[in-house]
């Protein structure tokens, strides 16, 4: 996928779901939700879409 298109689509999802909770709360919710649905343990590293540092939890 074209990187610009990918970034645009990701931003649209973020904007649409942003009404549910502020960024950090929503990101944490997403991790817990995916871990529950897929029965996996996720480790967050790097930075969030908003540029905040993500550390392993």
C-alpha atoms as a PDB file:
ATOM      1  CA  UNK A   1       0.000   0.000   0.000  1.00  0.00           C
ATOM      2  CA  UNK A   2       1.183   3.488  -0.749  1.00  0.00           C
ATOM      3  CA  UNK A   3       2.582   4.940   2.524  1.00  0.00           C
ATOM      4  CA  UNK A   4       0.678   8.212   2.105  1.00  0.00           C
ATOM      5  CA  UNK A   5      -2.605   6.371   1.547  1.00  0.00           C
ATOM      6  CA  UNK A   6      -1.891   4.137   4.544  1.00  0.00           C
ATOM      7  CA  UNK A   7      -1.203   7.162   6.762  1.00  0.00           C
ATOM      8  CA  UNK A   8      -4.363   8.883   5.549  1.00  0.00           C
ATOM      9  CA  UNK A   9      -6.502   5.834   6.284  1.00  0.00           C
ATOM     10  CA  UNK A  10      -4.952   5.392   9.737  1.00  0.00           C
ATOM     11  CA  UNK A  11      -5.594   9.047  10.533  1.00  0.00           C
ATOM     12  CA  UNK A  12      -9.234   8.717   9.450  1.00  0.00           C
ATOM     13  CA  UNK A  13      -9.709   5.787  11.818  1.00  0.00           C
ATOM     14  CA  UNK A  14      -8.003   7.682  14.640  1.00  0.00           C
ATOM     15  CA  UNK A  15     -10.187  10.742  14.069  1.00  0.00           C
ATOM     16  CA  UNK A  16     -13.360   8.647  13.928  1.00  0.00           C
ATOM     17  CA  UNK A  17     -12.582   6.695  17.090  1.00  0.00           C
ATOM     18  CA  UNK A  18     -11.095   9.638  18.963  1.00  0.00           C
ATOM     19  CA  UNK A  19     -14.503  10.554  20.339  1.00  0.00           C
ATOM     20  CA  UNK A  20     -14.439   7.415  22.513  1.00  0.00           C
ATOM     21  CA  UNK A  21     -11.508   8.474  24.701  1.00  0.00           C
ATOM     22  CA  UNK A  22      -8.327  10.566  24.648  1.00  0.00           C
ATOM     23  CA  UNK A  23      -5.384   9.048  22.746  1.00  0.00           C
ATOM     24  CA  UNK A  24      -3.477   7.279  25.520  1.00  0.00           C
ATOM     25  CA  UNK A  25      -6.617   5.796  27.070  1.00  0.00           C
ATOM     26  CA  UNK A  26      -7.889   4.630  23.702  1.00  0.00           C
ATOM     27  CA  UNK A  27      -4.510   3.106  22.796  1.00  0.00           C
ATOM     28  CA  UNK A  28      -4.426   1.145  26.054  1.00  0.00           C
ATOM     29  CA  UNK A  29      -8.028   0.022  25.519  1.00  0.00           C
ATOM     30  CA  UNK A  30      -7.079  -1.182  22.037  1.00  0.00           C
ATOM     31  CA  UNK A  31      -4.199  -3.270  23.390  1.00  0.00           C
ATOM     32  CA  UNK A  32      -6.351  -4.876  26.096  1.00  0.00           C
ATOM     33  CA  UNK A  33      -9.163  -5.514  23.601  1.00  0.00           C
ATOM     34  CA  UNK A  34      -6.906  -7.182  21.008  1.00  0.00           C
ATOM     35  CA  UNK A  35      -5.166  -9.243  23.691  1.00  0.00           C
ATOM     36  CA  UNK A  36      -8.573 -10.490  24.836  1.00  0.00           C
ATOM     37  CA  UNK A  37      -9.934 -11.185  21.351  1.00  0.00           C
ATOM     38  CA  UNK A  38      -6.848 -12.948  20.019  1.00  0.00           C
ATOM     39  CA  UNK A  39      -5.578 -14.519  23.274  1.00  0.00           C
ATOM     40  CA  UNK A  40      -2.139 -12.970  22.771  1.00  0.00           C
ATOM     41  CA  UNK A  41       0.150 -10.722  24.808  1.00  0.00           C
ATOM     42  CA  UNK A  42       1.167  -7.514  23.013  1.00  0.00           C
ATOM     43  CA  UNK A  43       4.235  -5.455  23.873  1.00  0.00           C
ATOM     44  CA  UNK A  44       4.085  -1.798  22.905  1.00  0.00           C
ATOM     45  CA  UNK A  45       7.354  -0.226  21.814  1.00  0.00           C
ATOM     46  CA  UNK A  46       8.329   2.868  19.886  1.00  0.00           C
ATOM     47  CA  UNK A  47       5.935   5.775  19.609  1.00  0.00           C
ATOM     48  CA  UNK A  48       2.223   6.243  19.268  1.00  0.00           C
ATOM     49  CA  UNK A  49       0.617   7.815  16.235  1.00  0.00           C
ATOM     50  CA  UNK A  50       0.515  11.051  18.213  1.00  0.00           C
ATOM     51  CA  UNK A  51       4.276  10.901  18.774  1.00  0.00           C
ATOM     52  CA  UNK A  52       4.192   9.919  22.444  1.00  0.00           C
ATOM     53  CA  UNK A  53       6.687   7.331  23.586  1.00  0.00           C
ATOM     54  CA  UNK A  54       5.238   3.843  24.095  1.00  0.00           C
ATOM     55  CA  UNK A  55       6.937   1.548  26.543  1.00  0.00           C
ATOM     56  CA  UNK A  56       6.422  -2.175  26.980  1.00  0.00           C
ATOM     57  CA  UNK A  57       3.601  -3.059  29.360  1.00  0.00           C
END
